[in-house]
PDB file of all heavy atoms in Angstrom:
ATOM      1  N   TRP A   1     132.981  35.985 160.892  1.00  0.00           N
ATOM      2  CA  TRP A   1     132.054  37.038 161.243  1.00  0.00           C
ATOM      3  C   TRP A   1     130.646  36.577 160.804  1.00  0.00           C
ATOM      4  O   TRP A   1     130.506  35.868 159.812  1.00  0.00           O
ATOM      5  CB  TRP A   1     132.398  38.341 160.507  1.00  0.00           C
ATOM      6  CG  TRP A   1     133.795  38.806 160.768  1.00  0.00           C
ATOM      7  CD1 TRP A   1     134.860  38.497 160.064  1.00  0.00           C
ATOM      8  CD2 TRP A   1     134.224  39.742 161.819  1.00  0.00           C
ATOM      9  NE1 TRP A   1     135.976  39.143 160.631  1.00  0.00           N
ATOM     10  CE2 TRP A   1     135.609  39.904 161.679  1.00  0.00           C
ATOM     11  CE3 TRP A   1     133.536  40.417 162.853  1.00  0.00           C
ATOM     12  CZ2 TRP A   1     136.339  40.710 162.509  1.00  0.00           C
ATOM     13  CZ3 TRP A   1     134.278  41.216 163.617  1.00  0.00           C
ATOM     14  CH2 TRP A   1     135.628  41.418 163.500  1.00  0.00           C
ATOM     15  N   ARG A   2     129.611  37.020 161.569  1.00  0.00           N
ATOM     16  CA  ARG A   2     128.231  36.721 161.197  1.00  0.00           C
ATOM     17  C   ARG A   2     127.508  38.028 160.940  1.00  0.00           C
ATOM     18  O   ARG A   2     127.483  38.988 161.820  1.00  0.00           O
ATOM     19  CB  ARG A   2     127.551  35.935 162.296  1.00  0.00           C
ATOM     20  CG  ARG A   2     126.106  35.533 161.845  1.00  0.00           C
ATOM     21  CD  ARG A   2     125.479  34.590 162.816  1.00  0.00           C
ATOM     22  NE  ARG A   2     125.017  35.256 164.025  1.00  0.00           N
ATOM     23  CZ  ARG A   2     125.400  35.022 165.239  1.00  0.00           C
ATOM     24  NH1 ARG A   2     126.439  34.140 165.439  1.00  0.00           N
ATOM     25  NH2 ARG A   2     124.909  35.672 166.281  1.00  0.00           N
ATOM     26  N   ALA A   3     126.874  38.177 159.819  1.00  0.00           N
ATOM     27  CA  ALA A   3     126.063  39.349 159.430  1.00  0.00           C
ATOM     28  C   ALA A   3     124.578  38.989 159.654  1.00  0.00           C
ATOM     29  O   ALA A   3     124.126  37.982 159.114  1.00  0.00           O
ATOM     30  CB  ALA A   3     126.349  39.761 158.056  1.00  0.00           C
ATOM     31  N   GLU A   4     123.898  39.789 160.391  1.00  0.00           N
ATOM     32  CA  GLU A   4     122.443  39.594 160.644  1.00  0.00           C
ATOM     33  C   GLU A   4     121.738  40.769 160.011  1.00  0.00           C
ATOM     34  O   GLU A   4     122.056  41.986 160.268  1.00  0.00           O
ATOM     35  CB  GLU A   4     122.121  39.528 162.081  1.00  0.00           C
ATOM     36  CG  GLU A   4     122.697  38.234 162.729  1.00  0.00           C
ATOM     37  CD  GLU A   4     122.309  38.164 164.235  1.00  0.00           C
ATOM     38  OE1 GLU A   4     122.091  39.254 164.849  1.00  0.00           O
ATOM     39  OE2 GLU A   4     122.225  37.083 164.760  1.00  0.00           O
ATOM     40  N   VAL A   5     120.697  40.512 159.163  1.00  0.00           N
ATOM     41  CA  VAL A   5     119.943  41.513 158.527  1.00  0.00           C
ATOM     42  C   VAL A   5     118.558  41.601 159.192  1.00  0.00           C
ATOM     43  O   VAL A   5     117.961  40.569 159.470  1.00  0.00           O
ATOM     44  CB  VAL A   5     119.750  41.156 157.058  1.00  0.00           C
ATOM     45  CG1 VAL A   5     118.830  42.227 156.315  1.00  0.00           C
ATOM     46  CG2 VAL A   5     121.057  41.084 156.319  1.00  0.00           C
ATOM     47  N   ALA A   6     118.192  42.807 159.547  1.00  0.00           N
ATOM     48  CA  ALA A   6     116.912  43.010 160.190  1.00  0.00           C
ATOM     49  C   ALA A   6     116.032  43.937 159.393  1.00  0.00           C
ATOM     50  O   ALA A   6     116.539  44.757 158.574  1.00  0.00           O
ATOM     51  CB  ALA A   6     117.092  43.586 161.608  1.00  0.00           C
ATOM     52  N   ASP A   7     114.685  43.904 159.611  1.00  0.00           N
ATOM     53  CA  ASP A   7     113.773  44.823 158.933  1.00  0.00           C
ATOM     54  C   ASP A   7     113.732  46.090 159.750  1.00  0.00           C
ATOM     55  O   ASP A   7     114.453  46.336 160.688  1.00  0.00           O
ATOM     56  CB  ASP A   7     112.428  44.180 158.779  1.00  0.00           C
ATOM     57  CG  ASP A   7     111.740  43.890 160.104  1.00  0.00           C
ATOM     58  OD1 ASP A   7     112.121  44.447 161.139  1.00  0.00           O
ATOM     59  OD2 ASP A   7     110.715  43.131 160.070  1.00  0.00           O
ATOM     60  N   ALA A   8     112.843  46.990 159.263  1.00  0.00           N
ATOM     61  CA  ALA A   8     112.728  48.377 159.938  1.00  0.00           C
ATOM     62  C   ALA A   8     112.397  48.283 161.375  1.00  0.00           C
ATOM     63  O   ALA A   8     112.672  49.176 162.156  1.00  0.00           O
ATOM     64  CB  ALA A   8     111.786  49.207 159.139  1.00  0.00           C
ATOM     65  N   GLY A   9     111.699  47.210 161.748  1.00  0.00           N
ATOM     66  CA  GLY A   9     111.329  47.091 163.162  1.00  0.00           C
ATOM     67  C   GLY A   9     112.301  46.252 163.995  1.00  0.00           C
ATOM     68  O   GLY A   9     112.022  45.830 165.129  1.00  0.00           O
ATOM     69  N   ASP A  10     113.509  46.071 163.446  1.00  0.00           N
ATOM     70  CA  ASP A  10     114.598  45.295 164.091  1.00  0.00           C
ATOM     71  C   ASP A  10     114.304  43.833 164.289  1.00  0.00           C
ATOM     72  O   ASP A  10     114.876  43.174 165.077  1.00  0.00           O
ATOM     73  CB  ASP A  10     115.003  45.941 165.411  1.00  0.00           C
ATOM     74  CG  ASP A  10     115.906  47.105 165.236  1.00  0.00           C
ATOM     75  OD1 ASP A  10     116.391  47.361 164.179  1.00  0.00           O
ATOM     76  OD2 ASP A  10     116.100  47.862 166.224  1.00  0.00           O
ATOM     77  N   ALA A  11     113.373  43.309 163.467  1.00  0.00           N
ATOM     78  CA  ALA A  11     113.155  41.857 163.464  1.00  0.00           C
ATOM     79  C   ALA A  11     114.100  41.216 162.570  1.00  0.00           C
ATOM     80  O   ALA A  11     114.282  41.567 161.410  1.00  0.00           O
ATOM     81  CB  ALA A  11     111.700  41.557 163.070  1.00  0.00           C
ATOM     82  N   ARG A  12     114.814  40.169 163.081  1.00  0.00           N
ATOM     83  CA  ARG A  12     115.837  39.457 162.242  1.00  0.00           C
ATOM     84  C   ARG A  12     115.187  38.812 161.057  1.00  0.00           C
ATOM     85  O   ARG A  12     114.190  38.136 161.164  1.00  0.00           O
ATOM     86  CB  ARG A  12     116.513  38.401 163.087  1.00  0.00           C
ATOM     87  CG  ARG A  12     117.280  39.031 164.291  1.00  0.00           C
ATOM     88  CD  ARG A  12     118.258  38.038 164.889  1.00  0.00           C
ATOM     89  NE  ARG A  12     117.647  36.731 165.035  1.00  0.00           N
ATOM     90  CZ  ARG A  12     118.414  35.578 165.051  1.00  0.00           C
ATOM     91  NH1 ARG A  12     119.693  35.624 164.840  1.00  0.00           N
ATOM     92  NH2 ARG A  12     117.798  34.383 165.200  1.00  0.00           N
ATOM     93  N   MET A  13     115.847  39.017 159.909  1.00  0.00           N
ATOM     94  CA  MET A  13     115.283  38.518 158.646  1.00  0.00           C
ATOM     95  C   MET A  13     116.219  37.365 158.057  1.00  0.00           C
ATOM     96  O   MET A  13     115.744  36.382 157.588  1.00  0.00           O
ATOM     97  CB  MET A  13     115.218  39.599 157.565  1.00  0.00           C
ATOM     98  CG  MET A  13     114.248  40.657 157.894  1.00  0.00           C
ATOM     99  SD  MET A  13     112.533  40.077 157.847  1.00  0.00           S
ATOM    100  CE  MET A  13     112.391  39.465 156.169  1.00  0.00           C
ATOM    101  N   ALA A  14     117.510  37.605 158.095  1.00  0.00           N
ATOM    102  CA  ALA A  14     118.469  36.652 157.469  1.00  0.00           C
ATOM    103  C   ALA A  14     119.809  36.833 158.077  1.00  0.00           C
ATOM    104  O   ALA A  14     120.081  37.781 158.813  1.00  0.00           O
ATOM    105  CB  ALA A  14     118.524  36.927 155.911  1.00  0.00           C
ATOM    106  N   GLU A  15     120.699  35.876 157.778  1.00  0.00           N
ATOM    107  CA  GLU A  15     122.098  35.999 158.283  1.00  0.00           C
ATOM    108  C   GLU A  15     123.019  35.286 157.317  1.00  0.00           C
ATOM    109  O   GLU A  15     122.608  34.404 156.438  1.00  0.00           O
ATOM    110  CB  GLU A  15     122.241  35.386 159.648  1.00  0.00           C
ATOM    111  CG  GLU A  15     122.092  33.873 159.685  1.00  0.00           C
ATOM    112  CD  GLU A  15     122.406  33.310 161.090  1.00  0.00           C
ATOM    113  OE1 GLU A  15     122.549  34.100 162.044  1.00  0.00           O
ATOM    114  OE2 GLU A  15     122.540  32.063 161.206  1.00  0.00           O
ATOM    115  N   ARG A  16     124.323  35.640 157.401  1.00  0.00           N
ATOM    116  CA  ARG A  16     125.378  34.924 156.673  1.00  0.00           C
ATOM    117  C   ARG A  16     126.658  35.032 157.460  1.00  0.00           C
ATOM    118  O   ARG A  16     126.764  35.904 158.318  1.00  0.00           O
ATOM    119  CB  ARG A  16     125.564  35.455 155.243  1.00  0.00           C
ATOM    120  CG  ARG A  16     126.203  36.842 155.220  1.00  0.00           C
ATOM    121  CD  ARG A  16     126.937  37.094 153.878  1.00  0.00           C
ATOM    122  NE  ARG A  16     127.918  36.018 153.690  1.00  0.00           N
ATOM    123  CZ  ARG A  16     128.777  35.991 152.644  1.00  0.00           C
ATOM    124  NH1 ARG A  16     128.720  36.977 151.749  1.00  0.00           N
ATOM    125  NH2 ARG A  16     129.650  35.059 152.482  1.00  0.00           N
ATOM    126  N   THR A  17     127.570  34.169 157.189  1.00  0.00           N
ATOM    127  CA  THR A  17     128.874  34.263 157.804  1.00  0.00           C
ATOM    128  C   THR A  17     129.921  34.604 156.662  1.00  0.00           C
ATOM    129  O   THR A  17     129.735  34.253 155.509  1.00  0.00           O
ATOM    130  CB  THR A  17     129.329  32.952 158.477  1.00  0.00           C
ATOM    131  OG1 THR A  17     129.372  31.892 157.541  1.00  0.00           O
ATOM    132  CG2 THR A  17     128.321  32.634 159.620  1.00  0.00           C
ATOM    133  N   LEU A  18     130.988  35.257 157.073  1.00  0.00           N
ATOM    134  CA  LEU A  18     132.054  35.592 156.062  1.00  0.00           C
ATOM    135  C   LEU A  18     133.373  35.880 156.780  1.00  0.00           C
ATOM    136  O   LEU A  18     133.396  36.135 157.969  1.00  0.00           O
ATOM    137  CB  LEU A  18     131.570  36.804 155.294  1.00  0.00           C
ATOM    138  CG  LEU A  18     131.412  38.190 155.937  1.00  0.00           C
ATOM    139  CD1 LEU A  18     131.305  39.276 154.879  1.00  0.00           C
ATOM    140  CD2 LEU A  18     130.175  38.265 156.785  1.00  0.00           C
ATOM    141  N   LEU A  19     134.418  35.687 156.025  1.00  0.00           N
ATOM    142  CA  LEU A  19     135.767  36.033 156.491  1.00  0.00           C
ATOM    143  C   LEU A  19     136.306  37.343 155.980  1.00  0.00           C
ATOM    144  O   LEU A  19     136.975  38.048 156.679  1.00  0.00           O
ATOM    145  CB  LEU A  19     136.775  34.860 156.042  1.00  0.00           C
ATOM    146  CG  LEU A  19     136.629  33.524 156.766  1.00  0.00           C
ATOM    147  CD1 LEU A  19     137.465  32.487 156.089  1.00  0.00           C
ATOM    148  CD2 LEU A  19     137.089  33.728 158.217  1.00  0.00           C
ATOM    149  N   ASP A  20     135.991  37.645 154.765  1.00  0.00           N
ATOM    150  CA  ASP A  20     136.523  38.835 154.126  1.00  0.00           C
ATOM    151  C   ASP A  20     135.471  39.367 153.124  1.00  0.00           C
ATOM    152  O   ASP A  20     135.230  38.730 152.118  1.00  0.00           O
ATOM    153  CB  ASP A  20     137.823  38.522 153.350  1.00  0.00           C
ATOM    154  CG  ASP A  20     138.476  39.772 152.723  1.00  0.00           C
ATOM    155  OD1 ASP A  20     137.872  40.877 152.914  1.00  0.00           O
ATOM    156  OD2 ASP A  20     139.522  39.671 152.103  1.00  0.00           O
ATOM    157  N   GLY A  21     134.809  40.441 153.497  1.00  0.00           N
ATOM    158  CA  GLY A  21     133.790  40.927 152.578  1.00  0.00           C
ATOM    159  C   GLY A  21     132.980  42.021 153.295  1.00  0.00           C
ATOM    160  O   GLY A  21     133.360  42.604 154.285  1.00  0.00           O
ATOM    161  N   ALA A  22     131.818  42.344 152.669  1.00  0.00           N
ATOM    162  CA  ALA A  22     131.026  43.470 153.152  1.00  0.00           C
ATOM    163  C   ALA A  22     129.557  43.191 152.972  1.00  0.00           C
ATOM    164  O   ALA A  22     129.125  42.336 152.208  1.00  0.00           O
ATOM    165  CB  ALA A  22     131.379  44.702 152.333  1.00  0.00           C
ATOM    166  N   VAL A  23     128.769  43.900 153.783  1.00  0.00           N
ATOM    167  CA  VAL A  23     127.312  43.903 153.735  1.00  0.00           C
ATOM    168  C   VAL A  23     126.820  45.348 153.741  1.00  0.00           C
ATOM    169  O   VAL A  23     127.234  46.079 154.650  1.00  0.00           O
ATOM    170  CB  VAL A  23     126.711  43.092 154.865  1.00  0.00           C
ATOM    171  CG1 VAL A  23     125.180  43.191 154.790  1.00  0.00           C
ATOM    172  CG2 VAL A  23     127.124  41.638 154.881  1.00  0.00           C
ATOM    173  N   ALA A  24     126.040  45.718 152.775  1.00  0.00           N
ATOM    174  CA  ALA A  24     125.456  47.061 152.744  1.00  0.00           C
ATOM    175  C   ALA A  24     123.947  46.958 152.602  1.00  0.00           C
ATOM    176  O   ALA A  24     123.447  46.090 151.886  1.00  0.00           O
ATOM    177  CB  ALA A  24     126.023  47.877 151.591  1.00  0.00           C
ATOM    178  N   THR A  25     123.226  47.805 153.261  1.00  0.00           N
ATOM    179  CA  THR A  25     121.734  47.798 153.287  1.00  0.00           C
ATOM    180  C   THR A  25     121.177  49.100 152.785  1.00  0.00           C
ATOM    181  O   THR A  25     121.613  50.168 153.243  1.00  0.00           O
ATOM    182  CB  THR A  25     121.202  47.444 154.647  1.00  0.00           C
ATOM    183  OG1 THR A  25     121.690  46.200 155.029  1.00  0.00           O
ATOM    184  CG2 THR A  25     119.692  47.471 154.653  1.00  0.00           C
ATOM    185  N   SER A  26     120.211  49.036 151.919  1.00  0.00           N
ATOM    186  CA  SER A  26     119.461  50.190 151.486  1.00  0.00           C
ATOM    187  C   SER A  26     118.016  49.984 151.739  1.00  0.00           C
ATOM    188  O   SER A  26     117.458  48.856 151.487  1.00  0.00           O
ATOM    189  CB  SER A  26     119.690  50.454 149.936  1.00  0.00           C
ATOM    190  OG  SER A  26     119.126  51.630 149.517  1.00  0.00           O
ATOM    191  N   SER A  27     117.296  50.988 152.278  1.00  0.00           N
ATOM    192  CA  SER A  27     115.889  50.805 152.670  1.00  0.00           C
ATOM    193  C   SER A  27     115.087  52.088 152.441  1.00  0.00           C
ATOM    194  O   SER A  27     115.616  53.164 152.598  1.00  0.00           O
ATOM    195  CB  SER A  27     115.878  50.385 154.129  1.00  0.00           C
ATOM    196  OG  SER A  27     114.501  50.318 154.574  1.00  0.00           O
ATOM    197  N   THR A  28     113.837  51.908 152.127  1.00  0.00           N
ATOM    198  CA  THR A  28     112.938  53.034 152.020  1.00  0.00           C
ATOM    199  C   THR A  28     112.038  53.095 153.277  1.00  0.00           C
ATOM    200  O   THR A  28     111.191  54.024 153.328  1.00  0.00           O
ATOM    201  CB  THR A  28     112.015  52.925 150.789  1.00  0.00           C
ATOM    202  OG1 THR A  28     111.222  51.715 150.914  1.00  0.00           O
ATOM    203  CG2 THR A  28     112.897  52.832 149.522  1.00  0.00           C
ATOM    204  N   ALA A  29     112.209  52.222 154.234  1.00  0.00           N
ATOM    205  CA  ALA A  29     111.296  52.154 155.362  1.00  0.00           C
ATOM    206  C   ALA A  29     111.524  53.192 156.383  1.00  0.00           C
ATOM    207  O   ALA A  29     110.620  53.574 157.119  1.00  0.00           O
ATOM    208  CB  ALA A  29     111.433  50.780 155.958  1.00  0.00           C
ATOM    209  N   LEU A  30     112.737  53.739 156.495  1.00  0.00           N
ATOM    210  CA  LEU A  30     113.084  54.622 157.620  1.00  0.00           C
ATOM    211  C   LEU A  30     113.073  56.087 157.225  1.00  0.00           C
ATOM    212  O   LEU A  30     112.506  56.941 157.907  1.00  0.00           O
ATOM    213  CB  LEU A  30     114.426  54.228 158.197  1.00  0.00           C
ATOM    214  CG  LEU A  30     114.494  52.822 158.829  1.00  0.00           C
ATOM    215  CD1 LEU A  30     115.921  52.473 159.321  1.00  0.00           C
ATOM    216  CD2 LEU A  30     113.479  52.671 159.918  1.00  0.00           C
ATOM    217  N   ARG A  31     113.725  56.405 156.147  1.00  0.00           N
ATOM    218  CA  ARG A  31     113.853  57.815 155.728  1.00  0.00           C
ATOM    219  C   ARG A  31     112.734  58.174 154.794  1.00  0.00           C
ATOM    220  O   ARG A  31     112.862  58.131 153.596  1.00  0.00           O
ATOM    221  CB  ARG A  31     115.204  58.129 155.119  1.00  0.00           C
ATOM    222  CG  ARG A  31     116.370  57.897 156.118  1.00  0.00           C
ATOM    223  CD  ARG A  31     117.746  57.934 155.425  1.00  0.00           C
ATOM    224  NE  ARG A  31     117.955  59.175 154.717  1.00  0.00           N
ATOM    225  CZ  ARG A  31     118.985  59.375 153.906  1.00  0.00           C
ATOM    226  NH1 ARG A  31     119.901  58.402 153.751  1.00  0.00           N
ATOM    227  NH2 ARG A  31     119.187  60.514 153.318  1.00  0.00           N
ATOM    228  N   ARG A  32     111.560  58.519 155.376  1.00  0.00           N
ATOM    229  CA  ARG A  32     110.393  58.817 154.618  1.00  0.00           C
ATOM    230  C   ARG A  32     109.788  60.176 155.102  1.00  0.00           C
ATOM    231  O   ARG A  32     109.957  60.507 156.261  1.00  0.00           O
ATOM    232  CB  ARG A  32     109.339  57.723 154.763  1.00  0.00           C
ATOM    233  CG  ARG A  32     109.790  56.350 154.337  1.00  0.00           C
ATOM    234  CD  ARG A  32     108.666  55.309 154.431  1.00  0.00           C
ATOM    235  NE  ARG A  32     107.666  55.552 153.437  1.00  0.00           N
ATOM    236  CZ  ARG A  32     107.676  54.964 152.221  1.00  0.00           C
ATOM    237  NH1 ARG A  32     108.644  54.122 151.903  1.00  0.00           N
ATOM    238  NH2 ARG A  32     106.749  55.174 151.337  1.00  0.00           N
ATOM    239  N   TRP A  33     109.025  60.818 154.259  1.00  0.00           N
ATOM    240  CA  TRP A  33     108.348  62.062 154.616  1.00  0.00           C
ATOM    241  C   TRP A  33     107.135  62.201 153.685  1.00  0.00           C
ATOM    242  O   TRP A  33     106.978  61.441 152.743  1.00  0.00           O
ATOM    243  CB  TRP A  33     109.279  63.243 154.478  1.00  0.00           C
ATOM    244  CG  TRP A  33     109.863  63.456 153.082  1.00  0.00           C
ATOM    245  CD1 TRP A  33     109.322  64.200 152.111  1.00  0.00           C
ATOM    246  CD2 TRP A  33     111.023  62.828 152.568  1.00  0.00           C
ATOM    247  NE1 TRP A  33     110.115  64.133 150.989  1.00  0.00           N
ATOM    248  CE2 TRP A  33     111.171  63.327 151.257  1.00  0.00           C
ATOM    249  CE3 TRP A  33     112.001  61.978 153.013  1.00  0.00           C
ATOM    250  CZ2 TRP A  33     112.207  62.920 150.409  1.00  0.00           C
ATOM    251  CZ3 TRP A  33     113.045  61.542 152.190  1.00  0.00           C
ATOM    252  CH2 TRP A  33     113.104  62.047 150.895  1.00  0.00           C
ATOM    253  N   ARG A  34     106.339  63.187 154.000  1.00  0.00           N
ATOM    254  CA  ARG A  34     105.112  63.419 153.192  1.00  0.00           C
ATOM    255  C   ARG A  34     105.302  64.665 152.396  1.00  0.00           C
ATOM    256  O   ARG A  34     105.831  65.645 152.866  1.00  0.00           O
ATOM    257  CB  ARG A  34     103.854  63.525 154.113  1.00  0.00           C
ATOM    258  CG  ARG A  34     103.553  62.174 154.803  1.00  0.00           C
ATOM    259  CD  ARG A  34     102.239  62.229 155.544  1.00  0.00           C
ATOM    260  NE  ARG A  34     101.085  62.324 154.611  1.00  0.00           N
ATOM    261  CZ  ARG A  34     100.573  61.263 154.021  1.00  0.00           C
ATOM    262  NH1 ARG A  34     101.122  60.077 154.237  1.00  0.00           N
ATOM    263  NH2 ARG A  34      99.512  61.372 153.257  1.00  0.00           N
ATOM    264  N   VAL A  35     104.792  64.675 151.183  1.00  0.00           N
ATOM    265  CA  VAL A  35     104.869  65.811 150.300  1.00  0.00           C
ATOM    266  C   VAL A  35     103.503  66.124 149.770  1.00  0.00           C
ATOM    267  O   VAL A  35     102.605  65.249 149.708  1.00  0.00           O
ATOM    268  CB  VAL A  35     105.829  65.583 149.096  1.00  0.00           C
ATOM    269  CG1 VAL A  35     107.283  65.414 149.540  1.00  0.00           C
ATOM    270  CG2 VAL A  35     105.370  64.394 148.262  1.00  0.00           C
ATOM    271  N   THR A  36     103.244  67.360 149.409  1.00  0.00           N
ATOM    272  CA  THR A  36     101.977  67.727 148.875  1.00  0.00           C
ATOM    273  C   THR A  36     102.141  68.095 147.399  1.00  0.00           C
ATOM    274  O   THR A  36     102.967  68.905 147.013  1.00  0.00           O
ATOM    275  CB  THR A  36     101.431  69.011 149.613  1.00  0.00           C
ATOM    276  OG1 THR A  36     101.333  68.678 150.967  1.00  0.00           O
ATOM    277  CG2 THR A  36     100.057  69.422 149.034  1.00  0.00           C
ATOM    278  N   GLY A  37     101.322  67.437 146.531  1.00  0.00           N
ATOM    279  CA  GLY A  37     101.458  67.680 145.129  1.00  0.00           C
ATOM    280  C   GLY A  37     100.725  68.871 144.666  1.00  0.00           C
ATOM    281  O   GLY A  37     100.055  69.569 145.455  1.00  0.00           O
ATOM    282  N   PRO A  38     100.824  69.224 143.366  1.00  0.00           N
ATOM    283  CA  PRO A  38     100.165  70.464 142.812  1.00  0.00           C
ATOM    284  C   PRO A  38      98.656  70.425 143.031  1.00  0.00           C
ATOM    285  O   PRO A  38      98.065  71.491 143.130  1.00  0.00           O
ATOM    286  CB  PRO A  38     100.555  70.350 141.328  1.00  0.00           C
ATOM    287  CG  PRO A  38     101.769  69.490 141.198  1.00  0.00           C
ATOM    288  CD  PRO A  38     101.610  68.505 142.362  1.00  0.00           C
ATOM    289  N   ASP A  39      98.096  69.220 143.114  1.00  0.00           N
ATOM    290  CA  ASP A  39      96.640  69.126 143.343  1.00  0.00           C
ATOM    291  C   ASP A  39      96.215  69.187 144.791  1.00  0.00           C
ATOM    292  O   ASP A  39      95.048  69.064 145.118  1.00  0.00           O
ATOM    293  CB  ASP A  39      96.123  67.841 142.675  1.00  0.00           C
ATOM    294  CG  ASP A  39      96.789  66.575 143.315  1.00  0.00           C
ATOM    295  OD1 ASP A  39      97.737  66.756 144.118  1.00  0.00           O
ATOM    296  OD2 ASP A  39      96.375  65.474 142.916  1.00  0.00           O
TER     297      ASP A  39
END
């Protein structure tokens, strides 16, 4: 199997091959929002 990692704009960044294993991605680029502070 080949795992391809992409950035938030779906541009390919890296890849690896594997037979038995996993790939998990965590990102701050997509789930973002704006908050207003006390000031």
